[in-house]
C-alpha atoms as a PDB file:
ATOM      1  CA  MET A   1      11.735  -1.319 -27.514  1.00  0.00           C
ATOM      2  CA  PRO A   2      14.407   1.381 -27.660  1.00  0.00           C
ATOM      3  CA  ARG A   3      13.332   4.981 -27.153  1.00  0.00           C
ATOM      4  CA  GLU A   4      14.902   5.984 -30.468  1.00  0.00           C
ATOM      5  CA  THR A   5      12.420   3.881 -32.427  1.00  0.00           C
ATOM      6  CA  PRO A   6      10.145   6.265 -34.310  1.00  0.00           C
ATOM      7  CA  SER A   7       6.486   6.167 -33.371  1.00  0.00           C
ATOM      8  CA  PRO A   8       3.902   5.726 -36.122  1.00  0.00           C
ATOM      9  CA  ILE A   9       1.840   8.349 -34.275  1.00  0.00           C
ATOM     10  CA  ASP A  10       3.007  11.895 -33.716  1.00  0.00           C
ATOM     11  CA  LEU A  11       2.807  12.412 -29.971  1.00  0.00           C
ATOM     12  CA  PRO A  12       2.874  15.883 -28.415  1.00  0.00           C
ATOM     13  CA  ALA A  13       5.997  16.761 -26.480  1.00  0.00           C
ATOM     14  CA  GLU A  14       4.074  18.070 -23.452  1.00  0.00           C
ATOM     15  CA  PRO A  15       1.239  16.205 -21.723  1.00  0.00           C
ATOM     16  CA  ILE A  16      -2.126  17.646 -22.665  1.00  0.00           C
ATOM     17  CA  TRP A  17      -5.089  18.230 -20.370  1.00  0.00           C
ATOM     18  CA  MET A  18      -7.658  15.492 -20.887  1.00  0.00           C
ATOM     19  CA  PRO A  19     -10.881  17.103 -22.174  1.00  0.00           C
ATOM     20  CA  GLY A  20     -13.056  14.327 -20.718  1.00  0.00           C
ATOM     21  CA  LEU A  21     -11.821  14.998 -17.193  1.00  0.00           C
ATOM     22  CA  GLY A  22     -14.137  17.977 -16.690  1.00  0.00           C
ATOM     23  CA  TRP A  23     -17.143  16.017 -17.945  1.00  0.00           C
ATOM     24  CA  THR A  24     -16.302  13.052 -15.725  1.00  0.00           C
ATOM     25  CA  SER A  25     -15.863  15.296 -12.682  1.00  0.00           C
ATOM     26  CA  GLY A  26     -19.246  16.893 -13.362  1.00  0.00           C
ATOM     27  CA  VAL A  27     -20.962  13.519 -13.632  1.00  0.00           C
ATOM     28  CA  LEU A  28     -19.387  12.311 -10.375  1.00  0.00           C
ATOM     29  CA  ALA A  29     -20.389  15.511  -8.570  1.00  0.00           C
ATOM     30  CA  LEU A  30     -23.968  15.265  -9.848  1.00  0.00           C
ATOM     31  CA  ALA A  31     -24.231  11.586  -8.880  1.00  0.00           C
ATOM     32  CA  SER A  32     -22.909  12.394  -5.398  1.00  0.00           C
ATOM     33  CA  LEU A  33     -25.496  15.150  -4.920  1.00  0.00           C
ATOM     34  CA  VAL A  34     -28.339  12.915  -6.116  1.00  0.00           C
ATOM     35  CA  LEU A  35     -27.273  10.149  -3.737  1.00  0.00           C
ATOM     36  CA  LEU A  36     -26.909  12.631  -0.876  1.00  0.00           C
ATOM     37  CA  ALA A  37     -30.475  13.828  -1.432  1.00  0.00           C
ATOM     38  CA  CYS A  38     -32.248  10.613  -2.432  1.00  0.00           C
ATOM     39  CA  ASN A  39     -30.434   8.097  -0.243  1.00  0.00           C
ATOM     40  CA  ALA A  40     -30.110   9.979   3.059  1.00  0.00           C
ATOM     41  CA  VAL A  41     -31.286   6.888   4.955  1.00  0.00           C
ATOM     42  CA  SER A  42     -28.154   4.952   3.971  1.00  0.00           C
ATOM     43  CA  LEU A  43     -25.937   7.840   5.039  1.00  0.00           C
ATOM     44  CA  ARG A  44     -27.742   7.939   8.387  1.00  0.00           C
ATOM     45  CA  ASP A  45     -27.389   4.162   8.833  1.00  0.00           C
ATOM     46  CA  TRP A  46     -23.685   4.370   8.040  1.00  0.00           C
ATOM     47  CA  ALA A  47     -23.197   7.209  10.546  1.00  0.00           C
ATOM     48  CA  GLU A  48     -24.908   5.153  13.241  1.00  0.00           C
ATOM     49  CA  SER A  49     -22.635   2.159  12.555  1.00  0.00           C
ATOM     50  CA  LEU A  50     -19.412   4.110  13.179  1.00  0.00           C
ATOM     51  CA  THR A  51     -17.410   3.753  16.394  1.00  0.00           C
ATOM     52  CA  PRO A  52     -19.201   5.752  19.113  1.00  0.00           C
ATOM     53  CA  GLY A  53     -17.652   9.008  20.194  1.00  0.00           C
ATOM     54  CA  PRO A  54     -18.411  12.720  20.358  1.00  0.00           C
ATOM     55  CA  ASN A  55     -17.722  13.303  16.638  1.00  0.00           C
ATOM     56  CA  GLN A  56     -19.763  10.265  15.646  1.00  0.00           C
ATOM     57  CA  ALA A  57     -22.661  11.411  17.820  1.00  0.00           C
ATOM     58  CA  ARG A  58     -22.686  14.834  16.175  1.00  0.00           C
ATOM     59  CA  PHE A  59     -22.389  13.306  12.693  1.00  0.00           C
ATOM     60  CA  ALA A  60     -25.225  10.857  13.469  1.00  0.00           C
ATOM     61  CA  GLU A  61     -27.389  13.763  14.663  1.00  0.00           C
ATOM     62  CA  ILE A  62     -26.722  15.732  11.477  1.00  0.00           C
ATOM     63  CA  THR A  63     -27.479  12.761   9.243  1.00  0.00           C
ATOM     64  CA  GLU A  64     -30.673  12.060  11.211  1.00  0.00           C
ATOM     65  CA  GLN A  65     -31.817  15.648  10.646  1.00  0.00           C
ATOM     66  CA  TRP A  66     -30.910  15.389   6.954  1.00  0.00           C
ATOM     67  CA  ALA A  67     -32.873  12.138   6.569  1.00  0.00           C
ATOM     68  CA  ASP A  68     -35.892  13.726   8.289  1.00  0.00           C
ATOM     69  CA  LEU A  69     -35.678  16.763   6.010  1.00  0.00           C
ATOM     70  CA  THR A  70     -35.525  14.656   2.845  1.00  0.00           C
ATOM     71  CA  ASP A  71     -38.425  12.498   4.086  1.00  0.00           C
ATOM     72  CA  ARG A  72     -40.572  15.572   4.752  1.00  0.00           C
ATOM     73  CA  ALA A  73     -39.701  16.977   1.319  1.00  0.00           C
ATOM     74  CA  GLY A  74     -40.609  13.660  -0.335  1.00  0.00           C
ATOM     75  CA  ILE A  75     -37.204  13.326  -1.985  1.00  0.00           C
ATOM     76  CA  GLY A  76     -36.649   9.799  -0.668  1.00  0.00           C
ATOM     77  CA  LEU A  77     -40.007   8.381  -1.781  1.00  0.00           C
ATOM     78  CA  ALA A  78     -38.533   6.512  -4.752  1.00  0.00           C
ATOM     79  CA  ARG A  79     -35.923   4.857  -2.543  1.00  0.00           C
ATOM     80  CA  ALA A  80     -38.535   3.937   0.063  1.00  0.00           C
ATOM     81  CA  TRP A  81     -40.796   2.421  -2.602  1.00  0.00           C
ATOM     82  CA  LEU A  82     -37.940   0.409  -4.128  1.00  0.00           C
ATOM     83  CA  HIS A  83     -36.734  -0.713  -0.683  1.00  0.00           C
ATOM     84  CA  ALA A  84     -40.235  -1.968   0.190  1.00  0.00           C
ATOM     85  CA  ARG A  85     -40.385  -3.939  -3.083  1.00  0.00           C
ATOM     86  CA  TRP A  86     -36.932  -5.394  -2.377  1.00  0.00           C
ATOM     87  CA  LYS A  87     -37.905  -6.506   1.136  1.00  0.00           C
ATOM     88  CA  ALA A  88     -41.117  -8.105  -0.217  1.00  0.00           C
ATOM     89  CA  ALA A  89     -39.105 -10.014  -2.832  1.00  0.00           C
ATOM     90  CA  GLU A  90     -36.574 -11.015  -0.192  1.00  0.00           C
ATOM     91  CA  ALA A  91     -39.346 -12.421   2.012  1.00  0.00           C
ATOM     92  CA  ALA A  92     -40.951 -14.392  -0.841  1.00  0.00           C
ATOM     93  CA  ARG A  93     -40.794 -18.158  -0.449  1.00  0.00           C
ATOM     94  CA  PHE A  94     -41.196 -20.947  -2.963  1.00  0.00           C
ATOM     95  CA  GLY A  95     -43.184 -24.121  -2.354  1.00  0.00           C
ATOM     96  CA  GLY A  96     -42.556 -25.563   1.086  1.00  0.00           C
ATOM     97  CA  GLN A  97     -39.738 -23.224   2.115  1.00  0.00           C
ATOM     98  CA  PRO A  98     -39.974 -22.130   5.737  1.00  0.00           C
ATOM     99  CA  ALA A  99     -40.434 -18.435   6.455  1.00  0.00           C
ATOM    100  CA  LYS A 100     -37.436 -16.551   7.759  1.00  0.00           C
END
């Protein structure tokens, strides 16, 4: 369609700042903080799976300390409870299925 074709909608000449961008950024930041606090075990496991080296060792040590701190504070209790339920469901067998 040629550029000269008039638009049925009046569009602003300059791009406008998207008002939802601030809200979205806030939600992403909050979700990241909640995951950092409540799911420290996964962060620790990821750090331990990285290629070994001096930086990885330091990062693994920091994430281990963070996981211990969140465990002592009780922040990760919901994740631990849900993980235990998941493992129990994963181990469930039907009829004559052999155990894993």
